[in-house]
PDB file of N, CA and C in Angstrom:
ATOM      1  N   MET A   1       2.197 -15.618  -4.173  1.00  0.00           N
ATOM      2  CA  MET A   1       1.277 -16.005  -5.435  1.00  0.00           C
ATOM      3  C   MET A   1       0.027 -15.939  -5.735  1.00  0.00           C
ATOM      4  N   TYR A   2      -0.635 -15.750  -5.227  1.00  0.00           N
ATOM      5  CA  TYR A   2      -2.159 -15.308  -5.082  1.00  0.00           C
ATOM      6  C   TYR A   2      -2.395 -14.357  -5.942  1.00  0.00           C
ATOM      7  N   LYS A   3      -1.794 -13.491  -5.139  1.00  0.00           N
ATOM      8  CA  LYS A   3      -1.558 -11.900  -5.349  1.00  0.00           C
ATOM      9  C   LYS A   3      -1.101 -11.881  -7.599  1.00  0.00           C
ATOM     10  N   ARG A   4      -0.262 -12.393  -7.859  1.00  0.00           N
ATOM     11  CA  ARG A   4       0.290 -12.300  -8.554  1.00  0.00           C
ATOM     12  C   ARG A   4      -0.851 -13.118  -9.714  1.00  0.00           C
ATOM     13  N   VAL A   5      -1.672 -14.328  -9.172  1.00  0.00           N
ATOM     14  CA  VAL A   5      -2.281 -15.027 -10.409  1.00  0.00           C
ATOM     15  C   VAL A   5      -3.584 -13.548 -10.526  1.00  0.00           C
ATOM     16  N   LEU A   6      -3.851 -13.077  -9.749  1.00  0.00           N
ATOM     17  CA  LEU A   6      -5.050 -12.142  -9.689  1.00  0.00           C
ATOM     18  C   LEU A   6      -4.716 -10.967 -10.304  1.00  0.00           C
ATOM     19  N   ARG A   7      -3.317 -10.602 -10.316  1.00  0.00           N
ATOM     20  CA  ARG A   7      -2.605  -9.340 -11.515  1.00  0.00           C
ATOM     21  C   ARG A   7      -2.729  -9.923 -12.202  1.00  0.00           C
ATOM     22  N   THR A   8      -2.264 -11.326 -12.852  1.00  0.00           N
ATOM     23  CA  THR A   8      -2.368 -11.491 -14.270  1.00  0.00           C
ATOM     24  C   THR A   8      -3.731 -11.489 -14.748  1.00  0.00           C
ATOM     25  N   LYS A   9      -4.404 -12.360 -14.234  1.00  0.00           N
ATOM     26  CA  LYS A   9      -5.961 -12.397 -14.457  1.00  0.00           C
ATOM     27  C   LYS A   9      -6.798 -11.415 -14.678  1.00  0.00           C
ATOM     28  N   SER A  10      -6.625  -9.966 -13.995  1.00  0.00           N
ATOM     29  CA  SER A  10      -6.990  -9.166 -14.549  1.00  0.00           C
ATOM     30  C   SER A  10      -6.130  -8.170 -15.610  1.00  0.00           C
ATOM     31  N   PHE A  11      -5.144  -8.351 -15.886  1.00  0.00           N
ATOM     32  CA  PHE A  11      -3.993  -7.761 -16.961  1.00  0.00           C
ATOM     33  C   PHE A  11      -5.313  -8.201 -18.334  1.00  0.00           C
ATOM     34  N   LEU A  12      -4.914  -9.641 -18.355  1.00  0.00           N
ATOM     35  CA  LEU A  12      -5.215 -10.635 -19.244  1.00  0.00           C
ATOM     36  C   LEU A  12      -6.945  -9.844 -19.807  1.00  0.00           C
ATOM     37  N   PHE A  13      -7.672  -9.683 -18.536  1.00  0.00           N
ATOM     38  CA  PHE A  13      -8.606  -9.113 -18.756  1.00  0.00           C
ATOM     39  C   PHE A  13      -8.899  -8.480 -19.218  1.00  0.00           C
ATOM     40  N   ALA A  14      -8.263  -7.182 -19.250  1.00  0.00           N
ATOM     41  CA  ALA A  14      -8.197  -5.916 -19.811  1.00  0.00           C
ATOM     42  C   ALA A  14      -7.635  -5.377 -21.046  1.00  0.00           C
ATOM     43  N   ILE A  15      -6.843  -6.571 -21.104  1.00  0.00           N
ATOM     44  CA  ILE A  15      -6.543  -6.769 -23.207  1.00  0.00           C
ATOM     45  C   ILE A  15      -7.845  -7.208 -23.947  1.00  0.00           C
ATOM     46  N   SER A  16      -8.699  -8.192 -22.974  1.00  0.00           N
ATOM     47  CA  SER A  16      -9.530  -8.653 -23.693  1.00  0.00           C
ATOM     48  C   SER A  16     -10.989  -7.464 -23.802  1.00  0.00           C
ATOM     49  N   ILE A  17     -11.098  -6.656 -22.607  1.00  0.00           N
ATOM     50  CA  ILE A  17     -11.817  -5.583 -22.918  1.00  0.00           C
ATOM     51  C   ILE A  17     -11.655  -4.502 -23.825  1.00  0.00           C
ATOM     52  N   ILE A  18     -10.342  -4.438 -24.185  1.00  0.00           N
ATOM     53  CA  ILE A  18      -9.999  -3.406 -24.996  1.00  0.00           C
ATOM     54  C   ILE A  18     -10.195  -3.975 -26.485  1.00  0.00           C
ATOM     55  N   ASP A  19     -10.284  -5.304 -26.769  1.00  0.00           N
ATOM     56  CA  ASP A  19     -10.040  -5.809 -27.622  1.00  0.00           C
ATOM     57  C   ASP A  19     -11.682  -5.844 -28.471  1.00  0.00           C
ATOM     58  N   LEU A  20     -12.701  -5.960 -27.060  1.00  0.00           N
ATOM     59  CA  LEU A  20     -13.835  -5.873 -27.209  1.00  0.00           C
ATOM     60  C   LEU A  20     -14.288  -4.271 -27.361  1.00  0.00           C
ATOM     61  N   TYR A  21     -13.841  -3.320 -27.013  1.00  0.00           N
ATOM     62  CA  TYR A  21     -13.880  -1.929 -27.544  1.00  0.00           C
ATOM     63  C   TYR A  21     -13.511  -1.357 -28.963  1.00  0.00           C
ATOM     64  N   LYS A  22     -12.539  -1.902 -29.238  1.00  0.00           N
ATOM     65  CA  LYS A  22     -11.750  -1.877 -30.823  1.00  0.00           C
ATOM     66  C   LYS A  22     -13.107  -2.310 -31.552  1.00  0.00           C
ATOM     67  N   ASP A  23     -13.918  -3.422 -31.431  1.00  0.00           N
ATOM     68  CA  ASP A  23     -14.598  -4.191 -32.264  1.00  0.00           C
ATOM     69  C   ASP A  23     -16.094  -3.556 -32.185  1.00  0.00           C
ATOM     70  N   LEU A  24     -16.171  -3.322 -30.995  1.00  0.00           N
ATOM     71  CA  LEU A  24     -17.405  -2.115 -30.810  1.00  0.00           C
ATOM     72  C   LEU A  24     -17.485  -0.939 -31.640  1.00  0.00           C
ATOM     73  N   LYS A  25     -16.236  -0.076 -31.055  1.00  0.00           N
ATOM     74  CA  LYS A  25     -16.431   0.956 -32.010  1.00  0.00           C
ATOM     75  C   LYS A  25     -16.149   1.062 -33.784  1.00  0.00           C
ATOM     76  N   ASP A  26     -14.957  -0.287 -33.855  1.00  0.00           N
ATOM     77  CA  ASP A  26     -14.853  -0.628 -35.783  1.00  0.00           C
ATOM     78  C   ASP A  26     -16.133  -0.910 -36.025  1.00  0.00           C
ATOM     79  N   ASN A  27     -16.367  -1.836 -35.549  1.00  0.00           N
ATOM     80  CA  ASN A  27     -17.150  -3.016 -36.262  1.00  0.00           C
ATOM     81  C   ASN A  27     -18.579  -2.820 -36.183  1.00  0.00           C
ATOM     82  N   HIS A  28     -19.074  -1.913 -35.330  1.00  0.00           N
ATOM     83  CA  HIS A  28     -20.238  -1.825 -34.583  1.00  0.00           C
ATOM     84  C   HIS A  28     -20.650  -0.274 -34.831  1.00  0.00           C
ATOM     85  N   ARG A  29     -19.717   0.255 -34.873  1.00  0.00           N
ATOM     86  CA  ARG A  29     -19.845   1.748 -34.559  1.00  0.00           C
ATOM     87  C   ARG A  29     -20.233   2.106 -33.068  1.00  0.00           C
ATOM     88  N   GLU A  30     -20.141   1.812 -32.057  1.00  0.00           N
ATOM     89  CA  GLU A  30     -20.817   1.815 -31.092  1.00  0.00           C
ATOM     90  C   GLU A  30     -20.103   2.227 -29.812  1.00  0.00           C
ATOM     91  N   TYR A  31     -20.477   3.262 -29.609  1.00  0.00           N
ATOM     92  CA  TYR A  31     -19.228   4.405 -28.756  1.00  0.00           C
ATOM     93  C   TYR A  31     -19.634   4.780 -27.523  1.00  0.00           C
ATOM     94  N   VAL A  32     -20.909   4.710 -26.722  1.00  0.00           N
ATOM     95  CA  VAL A  32     -20.573   5.204 -25.769  1.00  0.00           C
ATOM     96  C   VAL A  32     -20.638   3.699 -24.534  1.00  0.00           C
ATOM     97  N   LEU A  33     -21.473   3.014 -25.061  1.00  0.00           N
ATOM     98  CA  LEU A  33     -21.895   2.142 -24.009  1.00  0.00           C
ATOM     99  C   LEU A  33     -19.822   1.152 -24.085  1.00  0.00           C
ATOM    100  N   SER A  34     -19.411   0.963 -25.565  1.00  0.00           N
ATOM    101  CA  SER A  34     -17.644   0.678 -25.566  1.00  0.00           C
ATOM    102  C   SER A  34     -16.757   1.825 -24.597  1.00  0.00           C
ATOM    103  N   LYS A  35     -17.183   2.683 -24.903  1.00  0.00           N
ATOM    104  CA  LYS A  35     -16.686   3.748 -23.659  1.00  0.00           C
ATOM    105  C   LYS A  35     -16.366   3.095 -21.791  1.00  0.00           C
ATOM    106  N   GLN A  36     -17.765   2.794 -21.867  1.00  0.00           N
ATOM    107  CA  GLN A  36     -18.481   2.939 -20.457  1.00  0.00           C
ATOM    108  C   GLN A  36     -17.505   1.125 -19.913  1.00  0.00           C
ATOM    109  N   ILE A  37     -17.445  -0.027 -21.054  1.00  0.00           N
ATOM    110  CA  ILE A  37     -16.969  -1.407 -20.416  1.00  0.00           C
ATOM    111  C   ILE A  37     -15.643  -0.737 -20.486  1.00  0.00           C
ATOM    112  N   LEU A  38     -15.071  -0.230 -21.549  1.00  0.00           N
ATOM    113  CA  LEU A  38     -13.384   0.254 -21.503  1.00  0.00           C
ATOM    114  C   LEU A  38     -12.620   0.632 -20.268  1.00  0.00           C
ATOM    115  N   ARG A  39     -13.720   1.482 -19.574  1.00  0.00           N
ATOM    116  CA  ARG A  39     -13.579   2.192 -18.331  1.00  0.00           C
ATOM    117  C   ARG A  39     -14.003   1.605 -17.237  1.00  0.00           C
ATOM    118  N   SER A  40     -14.548   0.799 -17.008  1.00  0.00           N
ATOM    119  CA  SER A  40     -14.975  -0.109 -16.090  1.00  0.00           C
ATOM    120  C   SER A  40     -13.512  -1.710 -15.740  1.00  0.00           C
ATOM    121  N   GLY A  41     -14.037  -2.010 -17.383  1.00  0.00           N
ATOM    122  CA  GLY A  41     -13.258  -3.154 -17.420  1.00  0.00           C
ATOM    123  C   GLY A  41     -11.895  -3.353 -17.162  1.00  0.00           C
ATOM    124  N   THR A  42     -10.847  -1.690 -18.039  1.00  0.00           N
ATOM    125  CA  THR A  42      -9.668  -1.796 -17.859  1.00  0.00           C
ATOM    126  C   THR A  42      -9.140  -0.750 -15.996  1.00  0.00           C
ATOM    127  N   SER A  43     -10.281  -0.931 -15.576  1.00  0.00           N
ATOM    128  CA  SER A  43      -9.658   0.057 -14.081  1.00  0.00           C
ATOM    129  C   SER A  43      -9.761  -1.201 -12.974  1.00  0.00           C
ATOM    130  N   VAL A  44     -10.463  -2.381 -13.298  1.00  0.00           N
ATOM    131  CA  VAL A  44     -10.138  -3.736 -12.198  1.00  0.00           C
ATOM    132  C   VAL A  44      -8.606  -4.009 -12.022  1.00  0.00           C
ATOM    133  N   GLY A  45      -7.533  -3.568 -13.072  1.00  0.00           N
ATOM    134  CA  GLY A  45      -6.336  -4.478 -12.712  1.00  0.00           C
ATOM    135  C   GLY A  45      -5.571  -3.058 -12.611  1.00  0.00           C
ATOM    136  N   ALA A  46      -5.502  -2.051 -13.069  1.00  0.00           N
ATOM    137  CA  ALA A  46      -5.464  -0.570 -12.171  1.00  0.00           C
ATOM    138  C   ALA A  46      -5.934  -0.547 -10.889  1.00  0.00           C
ATOM    139  N   MET A  47      -6.590  -0.364 -10.212  1.00  0.00           N
ATOM    140  CA  MET A  47      -7.213  -0.978  -8.905  1.00  0.00           C
ATOM    141  C   MET A  47      -5.956  -2.065  -8.116  1.00  0.00           C
ATOM    142  N   ILE A  48      -6.242  -3.120  -8.813  1.00  0.00           N
ATOM    143  CA  ILE A  48      -5.306  -4.120  -8.244  1.00  0.00           C
ATOM    144  C   ILE A  48      -3.758  -3.742  -7.951  1.00  0.00           C
ATOM    145  N   ARG A  49      -3.869  -3.208  -9.153  1.00  0.00           N
ATOM    146  CA  ARG A  49      -2.214  -3.102  -9.225  1.00  0.00           C
ATOM    147  C   ARG A  49      -2.031  -1.621  -7.896  1.00  0.00           C
ATOM    148  N   GLU A  50      -2.745  -0.800  -7.741  1.00  0.00           N
ATOM    149  CA  GLU A  50      -3.067   0.005  -6.529  1.00  0.00           C
ATOM    150  C   GLU A  50      -2.514  -0.182  -5.541  1.00  0.00           C
ATOM    151  N   SER A  51      -3.480  -1.639  -4.790  1.00  0.00           N
ATOM    152  CA  SER A  51      -3.450  -2.325  -3.750  1.00  0.00           C
ATOM    153  C   SER A  51      -2.465  -2.809  -3.205  1.00  0.00           C
ATOM    154  N   GLU A  52      -1.293  -2.829  -4.414  1.00  0.00           N
ATOM    155  CA  GLU A  52       0.221  -3.595  -4.063  1.00  0.00           C
ATOM    156  C   GLU A  52       0.875  -2.819  -3.178  1.00  0.00           C
ATOM    157  N   PHE A  53       0.679  -1.701  -3.679  1.00  0.00           N
ATOM    158  CA  PHE A  53       1.286  -0.195  -2.936  1.00  0.00           C
ATOM    159  C   PHE A  53       0.445   0.463  -1.673  1.00  0.00           C
ATOM    160  N   SER A  54      -0.631  -0.555  -0.622  1.00  0.00           N
ATOM    161  CA  SER A  54      -1.570   0.755  -0.246  1.00  0.00           C
ATOM    162  C   SER A  54      -0.845   0.620   0.937  1.00  0.00           C
ATOM    163  N   GLU A  55      -1.414   1.523   1.821  1.00  0.00           N
ATOM    164  CA  GLU A  55      -0.855   2.324   2.661  1.00  0.00           C
ATOM    165  C   GLU A  55      -0.929   1.240   4.344  1.00  0.00           C
ATOM    166  N   SER A  56      -2.153   0.684   4.050  1.00  0.00           N
ATOM    167  CA  SER A  56      -2.619  -0.059   5.217  1.00  0.00           C
ATOM    168  C   SER A  56      -3.411  -1.137   5.121  1.00  0.00           C
ATOM    169  N   LYS A  57      -3.639  -2.084   5.629  1.00  0.00           N
ATOM    170  CA  LYS A  57      -4.183  -3.473   5.365  1.00  0.00           C
ATOM    171  C   LYS A  57      -6.259  -2.781   4.987  1.00  0.00           C
ATOM    172  N   LEU A  58      -6.533  -1.831   5.949  1.00  0.00           N
ATOM    173  CA  LEU A  58      -7.750  -1.085   5.008  1.00  0.00           C
ATOM    174  C   LEU A  58      -7.587  -0.471   4.368  1.00  0.00           C
ATOM    175  N   ASP A  59      -6.250   0.082   3.493  1.00  0.00           N
ATOM    176  CA  ASP A  59      -6.379   0.544   2.624  1.00  0.00           C
ATOM    177  C   ASP A  59      -6.429  -0.521   1.205  1.00  0.00           C
ATOM    178  N   PHE A  60      -5.881  -1.029   1.622  1.00  0.00           N
ATOM    179  CA  PHE A  60      -5.259  -2.875   0.309  1.00  0.00           C
ATOM    180  C   PHE A  60      -7.355  -3.100   0.666  1.00  0.00           C
ATOM    181  N   ILE A  61      -7.804  -3.246   1.517  1.00  0.00           N
ATOM    182  CA  ILE A  61      -8.666  -3.596   1.544  1.00  0.00           C
ATOM    183  C   ILE A  61     -10.221  -2.532   0.708  1.00  0.00           C
ATOM    184  N   HIS A  62     -10.033  -1.195   0.562  1.00  0.00           N
ATOM    185  CA  HIS A  62     -10.697  -0.460  -0.010  1.00  0.00           C
ATOM    186  C   HIS A  62     -10.346   0.012  -1.610  1.00  0.00           C
ATOM    187  N   LYS A  63      -9.377  -1.017  -1.945  1.00  0.00           N
ATOM    188  CA  LYS A  63      -8.610  -0.408  -2.961  1.00  0.00           C
ATOM    189  C   LYS A  63      -9.764  -1.553  -3.706  1.00  0.00           C
ATOM    190  N   LEU A  64      -9.059  -2.716  -2.952  1.00  0.00           N
ATOM    191  CA  LEU A  64      -9.930  -4.248  -4.199  1.00  0.00           C
ATOM    192  C   LEU A  64     -11.494  -4.179  -3.692  1.00  0.00           C
ATOM    193  N   ALA A  65     -11.997  -3.530  -3.017  1.00  0.00           N
ATOM    194  CA  ALA A  65     -13.573  -3.347  -2.972  1.00  0.00           C
ATOM    195  C   ALA A  65     -13.479  -2.565  -4.431  1.00  0.00           C
ATOM    196  N   ILE A  66     -12.694  -1.505  -4.625  1.00  0.00           N
ATOM    197  CA  ILE A  66     -13.096  -0.662  -5.751  1.00  0.00           C
ATOM    198  C   ILE A  66     -12.916  -1.169  -6.877  1.00  0.00           C
ATOM    199  N   ALA A  67     -12.055  -2.508  -7.103  1.00  0.00           N
ATOM    200  CA  ALA A  67     -11.426  -3.483  -8.168  1.00  0.00           C
ATOM    201  C   ALA A  67     -13.285  -4.702  -8.149  1.00  0.00           C
ATOM    202  N   GLN A  68     -13.826  -5.156  -7.408  1.00  0.00           N
ATOM    203  CA  GLN A  68     -14.913  -5.142  -6.963  1.00  0.00           C
ATOM    204  C   GLN A  68     -15.787  -4.536  -7.819  1.00  0.00           C
ATOM    205  N   LYS A  69     -16.577  -3.386  -7.281  1.00  0.00           N
ATOM    206  CA  LYS A  69     -16.896  -2.947  -8.063  1.00  0.00           C
ATOM    207  C   LYS A  69     -17.120  -2.351  -9.537  1.00  0.00           C
ATOM    208  N   GLU A  70     -16.174  -2.528  -9.735  1.00  0.00           N
ATOM    209  CA  GLU A  70     -15.683  -1.795 -11.536  1.00  0.00           C
ATOM    210  C   GLU A  70     -15.842  -3.651 -11.847  1.00  0.00           C
ATOM    211  N   ILE A  71     -15.440  -4.703 -11.430  1.00  0.00           N
ATOM    212  CA  ILE A  71     -15.599  -5.772 -12.365  1.00  0.00           C
ATOM    213  C   ILE A  71     -17.480  -6.076 -12.522  1.00  0.00           C
ATOM    214  N   ASN A  72     -18.130  -5.832 -11.366  1.00  0.00           N
ATOM    215  CA  ASN A  72     -19.413  -6.058 -11.165  1.00  0.00           C
ATOM    216  C   ASN A  72     -20.290  -4.924 -12.241  1.00  0.00           C
ATOM    217  N   GLU A  73     -19.744  -3.878 -12.327  1.00  0.00           N
ATOM    218  CA  GLU A  73     -20.267  -2.691 -13.345  1.00  0.00           C
ATOM    219  C   GLU A  73     -19.928  -3.352 -14.421  1.00  0.00           C
ATOM    220  N   THR A  74     -18.707  -4.034 -14.306  1.00  0.00           N
ATOM    221  CA  THR A  74     -18.430  -4.880 -16.572  1.00  0.00           C
ATOM    222  C   THR A  74     -19.304  -5.714 -16.595  1.00  0.00           C
ATOM    223  N   ILE A  75     -19.932  -6.210 -15.588  1.00  0.00           N
ATOM    224  CA  ILE A  75     -20.683  -7.329 -15.823  1.00  0.00           C
ATOM    225  C   ILE A  75     -21.999  -6.977 -16.744  1.00  0.00           C
ATOM    226  N   TYR A  76     -22.630  -5.746 -15.722  1.00  0.00           N
ATOM    227  CA  TYR A  76     -23.823  -5.207 -16.049  1.00  0.00           C
ATOM    228  C   TYR A  76     -23.440  -4.922 -17.909  1.00  0.00           C
ATOM    229  N   TRP A  77     -22.344  -4.352 -17.741  1.00  0.00           N
ATOM    230  CA  TRP A  77     -22.391  -3.273 -19.092  1.00  0.00           C
ATOM    231  C   TRP A  77     -22.167  -4.770 -20.350  1.00  0.00           C
ATOM    232  N   LEU A  78     -21.273  -5.718 -20.175  1.00  0.00           N
ATOM    233  CA  LEU A  78     -21.657  -7.252 -20.790  1.00  0.00           C
ATOM    234  C   LEU A  78     -22.947  -8.087 -20.859  1.00  0.00           C
ATOM    235  N   GLU A  79     -23.473  -7.657 -20.090  1.00  0.00           N
ATOM    236  CA  GLU A  79     -25.161  -8.058 -20.323  1.00  0.00           C
ATOM    237  C   GLU A  79     -25.910  -7.100 -20.958  1.00  0.00           C
ATOM    238  N   LEU A  80     -25.837  -5.669 -20.699  1.00  0.00           N
ATOM    239  CA  LEU A  80     -26.361  -5.305 -21.313  1.00  0.00           C
ATOM    240  C   LEU A  80     -25.758  -5.426 -22.843  1.00  0.00           C
ATOM    241  N   LEU A  81     -24.653  -5.412 -23.379  1.00  0.00           N
ATOM    242  CA  LEU A  81     -24.148  -5.980 -24.759  1.00  0.00           C
ATOM    243  C   LEU A  81     -24.153  -6.892 -25.432  1.00  0.00           C
ATOM    244  N   ASN A  82     -24.301  -7.979 -24.517  1.00  0.00           N
ATOM    245  CA  ASN A  82     -25.306  -9.215 -25.130  1.00  0.00           C
ATOM    246  C   ASN A  82     -26.350  -9.076 -25.415  1.00  0.00           C
ATOM    247  N   THR A  83     -27.511  -8.639 -24.525  1.00  0.00           N
ATOM    248  CA  THR A  83     -28.783  -8.426 -24.893  1.00  0.00           C
ATOM    249  C   THR A  83     -28.876  -7.444 -26.202  1.00  0.00           C
ATOM    250  N   GLY A  84     -28.268  -6.563 -26.596  1.00  0.00           N
ATOM    251  CA  GLY A  84     -28.926  -5.570 -27.372  1.00  0.00           C
ATOM    252  C   GLY A  84     -28.019  -6.258 -28.324  1.00  0.00           C
ATOM    253  N   GLY A  85     -27.740  -6.974 -28.280  1.00  0.00           N
ATOM    254  CA  GLY A  85     -26.971  -7.901 -29.678  1.00  0.00           C
ATOM    255  C   GLY A  85     -25.462  -7.226 -30.493  1.00  0.00           C
ATOM    256  N   PHE A  86     -24.953  -7.191 -29.332  1.00  0.00           N
ATOM    257  CA  PHE A  86     -23.438  -6.317 -30.168  1.00  0.00           C
ATOM    258  C   PHE A  86     -22.210  -7.147 -29.744  1.00  0.00           C
ATOM    259  N   ILE A  87     -22.956  -8.365 -28.809  1.00  0.00           N
ATOM    260  CA  ILE A  87     -21.474  -9.016 -28.900  1.00  0.00           C
ATOM    261  C   ILE A  87     -22.468 -10.427 -28.842  1.00  0.00           C
ATOM    262  N   THR A  88     -21.514 -11.729 -29.273  1.00  0.00           N
ATOM    263  CA  THR A  88     -22.315 -13.098 -29.442  1.00  0.00           C
ATOM    264  C   THR A  88     -22.379 -13.678 -27.668  1.00  0.00           C
ATOM    265  N   ASN A  89     -22.984 -14.871 -27.862  1.00  0.00           N
ATOM    266  CA  ASN A  89     -23.105 -15.433 -27.116  1.00  0.00           C
ATOM    267  C   ASN A  89     -22.104 -15.815 -26.352  1.00  0.00           C
ATOM    268  N   ASP A  90     -21.379 -16.462 -27.023  1.00  0.00           N
ATOM    269  CA  ASP A  90     -19.807 -17.062 -27.189  1.00  0.00           C
ATOM    270  C   ASP A  90     -19.289 -16.005 -26.187  1.00  0.00           C
ATOM    271  N   SER A  91     -18.882 -14.534 -26.804  1.00  0.00           N
ATOM    272  CA  SER A  91     -17.948 -13.872 -26.268  1.00  0.00           C
ATOM    273  C   SER A  91     -18.455 -13.652 -25.183  1.00  0.00           C
ATOM    274  N   PHE A  92     -19.705 -13.090 -24.964  1.00  0.00           N
ATOM    275  CA  PHE A  92     -20.400 -12.582 -23.220  1.00  0.00           C
ATOM    276  C   PHE A  92     -19.918 -13.730 -22.838  1.00  0.00           C
ATOM    277  N   ASN A  93     -20.300 -15.234 -22.940  1.00  0.00           N
ATOM    278  CA  ASN A  93     -19.854 -16.565 -21.990  1.00  0.00           C
ATOM    279  C   ASN A  93     -18.600 -15.986 -21.420  1.00  0.00           C
ATOM    280  N   THR A  94     -17.320 -15.542 -22.513  1.00  0.00           N
ATOM    281  CA  THR A  94     -16.056 -15.830 -21.848  1.00  0.00           C
ATOM    282  C   THR A  94     -15.641 -15.096 -21.283  1.00  0.00           C
ATOM    283  N   LEU A  95     -15.892 -13.413 -21.352  1.00  0.00           N
ATOM    284  CA  LEU A  95     -16.110 -12.546 -21.085  1.00  0.00           C
ATOM    285  C   LEU A  95     -16.306 -12.325 -19.076  1.00  0.00           C
ATOM    286  N   ASN A  96     -18.031 -13.046 -18.999  1.00  0.00           N
ATOM    287  CA  ASN A  96     -18.465 -13.457 -17.891  1.00  0.00           C
ATOM    288  C   ASN A  96     -18.085 -14.018 -17.072  1.00  0.00           C
ATOM    289  N   GLU A  97     -17.193 -15.127 -17.362  1.00  0.00           N
ATOM    290  CA  GLU A  97     -16.889 -16.266 -16.598  1.00  0.00           C
ATOM    291  C   GLU A  97     -15.400 -15.379 -16.451  1.00  0.00           C
ATOM    292  N   SER A  98     -14.586 -15.156 -17.116  1.00  0.00           N
ATOM    293  CA  SER A  98     -13.769 -14.294 -16.700  1.00  0.00           C
ATOM    294  C   SER A  98     -14.262 -12.820 -15.362  1.00  0.00           C
ATOM    295  N   SER A  99     -14.758 -12.466 -15.836  1.00  0.00           N
ATOM    296  CA  SER A  99     -15.504 -11.179 -14.950  1.00  0.00           C
ATOM    297  C   SER A  99     -15.896 -12.739 -13.571  1.00  0.00           C
ATOM    298  N   ILE A 100     -16.646 -12.986 -13.260  1.00  0.00           N
ATOM    299  CA  ILE A 100     -16.885 -14.107 -12.246  1.00  0.00           C
ATOM    300  C   ILE A 100     -15.797 -14.651 -11.857  1.00  0.00           C
ATOM    301  N   GLU A 101     -14.960 -14.742 -12.289  1.00  0.00           N
ATOM    302  CA  GLU A 101     -13.708 -15.499 -11.833  1.00  0.00           C
ATOM    303  C   GLU A 101     -12.487 -14.562 -10.787  1.00  0.00           C
ATOM    304  N   ILE A 102     -12.534 -13.572 -11.452  1.00  0.00           N
ATOM    305  CA  ILE A 102     -12.034 -11.946 -10.978  1.00  0.00           C
ATOM    306  C   ILE A 102     -12.871 -11.741  -9.659  1.00  0.00           C
ATOM    307  N   ILE A 103     -13.684 -11.575  -9.666  1.00  0.00           N
ATOM    308  CA  ILE A 103     -14.667 -10.971  -8.673  1.00  0.00           C
ATOM    309  C   ILE A 103     -14.823 -12.083  -7.532  1.00  0.00           C
ATOM    310  N   LYS A 104     -14.608 -13.435  -7.775  1.00  0.00           N
ATOM    311  CA  LYS A 104     -14.986 -14.515  -6.808  1.00  0.00           C
ATOM    312  C   LYS A 104     -13.276 -14.118  -5.881  1.00  0.00           C
ATOM    313  N   MET A 105     -12.204 -14.116  -6.720  1.00  0.00           N
ATOM    314  CA  MET A 105     -10.822 -13.660  -6.822  1.00  0.00           C
ATOM    315  C   MET A 105     -10.699 -12.679  -5.282  1.00  0.00           C
ATOM    316  N   LEU A 106     -11.619 -11.711  -5.834  1.00  0.00           N
ATOM    317  CA  LEU A 106     -11.253  -9.948  -5.117  1.00  0.00           C
ATOM    318  C   LEU A 106     -12.202 -10.190  -4.117  1.00  0.00           C
ATOM    319  N   THR A 107     -13.561 -10.945  -4.093  1.00  0.00           N
ATOM    320  CA  THR A 107     -14.073 -11.192  -2.772  1.00  0.00           C
ATOM    321  C   THR A 107     -13.082 -11.913  -2.019  1.00  0.00           C
ATOM    322  N   SER A 108     -12.637 -13.293  -2.247  1.00  0.00           N
ATOM    323  CA  SER A 108     -12.015 -13.895  -1.027  1.00  0.00           C
ATOM    324  C   SER A 108     -10.770 -13.213  -0.781  1.00  0.00           C
ATOM    325  N   SER A 109      -9.858 -12.980  -1.457  1.00  0.00           N
ATOM    326  CA  SER A 109      -8.699 -11.670  -1.032  1.00  0.00           C
ATOM    327  C   SER A 109      -9.524 -10.622   0.073  1.00  0.00           C
ATOM    328  N   ILE A 110     -10.364 -10.138  -0.429  1.00  0.00           N
ATOM    329  CA  ILE A 110     -11.437  -9.284   0.899  1.00  0.00           C
ATOM    330  C   ILE A 110     -11.553  -9.869   1.770  1.00  0.00           C
ATOM    331  N   LYS A 111     -11.854 -11.036   1.954  1.00  0.00           N
ATOM    332  CA  LYS A 111     -12.440 -11.638   3.225  1.00  0.00           C
ATOM    333  C   LYS A 111     -11.228 -11.990   4.456  1.00  0.00           C
ATOM    334  N   THR A 112     -10.382 -12.573   3.245  1.00  0.00           N
ATOM    335  CA  THR A 112      -8.977 -12.678   3.713  1.00  0.00           C
ATOM    336  C   THR A 112      -8.261 -12.000   4.702  1.00  0.00           C
ATOM    337  N   VAL A 113      -8.402 -10.698   4.541  1.00  0.00           N
ATOM    338  CA  VAL A 113      -7.594  -9.628   5.119  1.00  0.00           C
ATOM    339  C   VAL A 113      -8.259  -9.211   6.295  1.00  0.00           C
ATOM    340  N   LYS A 114      -9.750  -8.998   5.796  1.00  0.00           N
ATOM    341  CA  LYS A 114     -10.838  -8.922   6.768  1.00  0.00           C
ATOM    342  C   LYS A 114     -10.486  -9.577   8.202  1.00  0.00           C
ATOM    343  N   SER A 115     -10.452 -10.805   8.253  1.00  0.00           N
ATOM    344  CA  SER A 115     -10.572 -11.932   8.934  1.00  0.00           C
ATOM    345  C   SER A 115      -8.690 -11.753  10.047  1.00  0.00           C
ATOM    346  N   SER A 116      -7.934 -11.116   8.642  1.00  0.00           N
ATOM    347  CA  SER A 116      -6.800 -11.061   9.611  1.00  0.00           C
ATOM    348  C   SER A 116      -6.587  -9.202  10.786  1.00  0.00           C
ATOM    349  N   ILE A 117      -7.600  -9.034  10.402  1.00  0.00           N
ATOM    350  CA  ILE A 117      -7.571  -7.774  11.129  1.00  0.00           C
ATOM    351  C   ILE A 117      -8.353  -7.863  12.212  1.00  0.00           C
ATOM    352  N   ALA A 118      -9.579  -9.334  12.061  1.00  0.00           N
ATOM    353  CA  ALA A 118     -10.325  -8.889  13.655  1.00  0.00           C
ATOM    354  C   ALA A 118      -9.665  -9.911  14.232  1.00  0.00           C
ATOM    355  N   LYS A 119      -8.556 -10.207  13.731  1.00  0.00           N
ATOM    356  CA  LYS A 119      -7.670 -11.209  15.063  1.00  0.00           C
ATOM    357  C   LYS A 119      -6.949 -10.478  16.106  1.00  0.00           C
TER     358      LYS A 119
END
């Protein structure tokens, strides 16, 4: 069930990132940062999906660790866009809260699997 929640949250997050990308591109004519956040923000869910068919526990950890790095990168782009005035504080706070929730879930999943390997 926990995997399903992470899968769903990352998918909905990707949809929000796509909407942000469209807004940045269409309304702010911002093309460089918008592509960066589109790539990192949507790759989180893709890596979580890849982890579902991992070849081993180590491969599973590796895929989630990449997702963890991508969500952290996404937080960076959100901070940059917010500081640069491309997104409102409300938009930033909403997306940042989702990002932090996902990164916490990824970290917890990685720790759980690592502890099962150590036993």
